[in-house]
Protein backbone atom coordinates (compact mmCIF):
# COMPACT_ATOMS: atom_id res chain seq x y z
CA UNK A 1 0.00 0.00 0.00
CA UNK A 2 1.25 3.48 -0.89
CA UNK A 3 0.76 6.80 0.86
CA UNK A 4 -0.14 9.75 -1.35
CA UNK A 5 0.06 13.38 -0.30
CA UNK A 6 -2.00 15.86 -2.29
CA UNK A 7 -3.01 19.48 -2.15
CA UNK A 8 -6.57 20.53 -2.91
CA UNK A 9 -8.41 23.80 -2.73
CA UNK A 10 -10.43 24.27 0.46
CA UNK A 11 -13.72 24.18 -1.44
CA UNK A 12 -12.77 20.85 -3.07
CA UNK A 13 -11.69 19.45 0.30
CA UNK A 14 -15.05 20.42 1.79
CA UNK A 15 -16.91 18.69 -1.06
CA UNK A 16 -14.83 15.53 -0.62
CA UNK A 17 -15.34 15.61 3.15
CA UNK A 18 -19.12 16.01 2.81
CA UNK A 19 -19.32 13.21 0.25
CA UNK A 20 -17.23 10.92 2.48
CA UNK A 21 -19.42 11.67 5.48
CA UNK A 22 -22.52 11.04 3.38
CA UNK A 23 -21.24 7.55 2.58
CA UNK A 24 -19.90 7.01 6.10
CA UNK A 25 -16.33 6.65 4.81
CA UNK A 26 -13.12 8.26 5.96
CA UNK A 27 -11.44 10.67 3.53
CA UNK A 28 -8.79 8.31 2.21
CA UNK A 29 -11.29 5.50 1.70
CA UNK A 30 -13.68 7.83 -0.12
CA UNK A 31 -10.93 9.19 -2.39
CA UNK A 32 -9.87 5.63 -3.25
CA UNK A 33 -13.50 4.62 -3.85
CA UNK A 34 -14.28 7.69 -5.98
CA UNK A 35 -11.11 7.22 -8.02
CA UNK A 36 -11.95 3.58 -8.75
CA UNK A 37 -15.52 4.53 -9.67
CA UNK A 38 -14.23 7.15 -12.10
CA UNK A 39 -11.60 4.92 -13.65
CA UNK A 40 -13.90 1.96 -14.19
CA UNK A 41 -16.85 3.99 -15.43
CA UNK A 42 -14.82 6.13 -17.82
CA UNK A 43 -12.75 3.29 -19.28
CA UNK A 44 -15.51 0.76 -19.89
CA UNK A 45 -19.03 0.78 -21.28
CA UNK A 46 -21.89 -1.19 -19.81
CA UNK A 47 -23.51 -4.01 -21.77
CA UNK A 48 -26.44 -1.86 -22.96
CA UNK A 49 -24.12 0.82 -24.34
CA UNK A 50 -21.90 -1.81 -25.99
CA UNK A 51 -24.93 -3.38 -27.66
CA UNK A 52 -25.97 0.04 -28.94
CA UNK A 53 -22.48 0.51 -30.42
CA UNK A 54 -22.50 -2.94 -32.02
CA UNK A 55 -25.97 -2.35 -33.47
CA UNK A 56 -24.69 0.75 -35.30
CA UNK A 57 -23.48 -0.98 -38.46
CA UNK A 58 -22.06 2.20 -40.01
CA UNK A 59 -20.01 2.94 -36.89
CA UNK A 60 -18.70 -0.63 -36.72
CA UNK A 61 -17.74 -0.52 -40.41
CA UNK A 62 -15.94 2.81 -39.94
CA UNK A 63 -14.03 1.38 -36.96
CA UNK A 64 -13.06 -1.68 -38.97
CA UNK A 65 -11.93 0.51 -41.88
CA UNK A 66 -9.83 2.57 -39.48
CA UNK A 67 -8.25 -0.58 -38.07
CA UNK A 68 -7.43 -1.75 -41.59
CA UNK A 69 -5.90 1.65 -42.38
CA UNK A 70 -3.77 1.41 -39.25
CA UNK A 71 -2.61 -2.11 -40.09
CA UNK A 72 -1.72 -0.97 -43.63
CA UNK A 73 0.43 1.84 -42.24
CA UNK A 74 -1.86 4.60 -43.52
CA UNK A 75 -1.99 6.18 -40.06
CA UNK A 76 0.17 6.26 -36.99
CA UNK A 77 -1.04 6.32 -33.40
CA UNK A 78 0.77 9.05 -31.47
């Protein structure tokens, strides 16, 4: 386990403190919880959203075309 020291504006600290109290968590536990919630919700889509993406045939075809272009060296990821 690592210890992290961070500086936050007083107004942000007060929001974090209120949110932690509202969930009956201490500050460090709430910050860890909120960070994990953000990382998992922003990096992944739920099954309904994924189905909506897969049902969009034009979008899927465009993504596949882009992947082909990348494999052919037409574009470079930077």
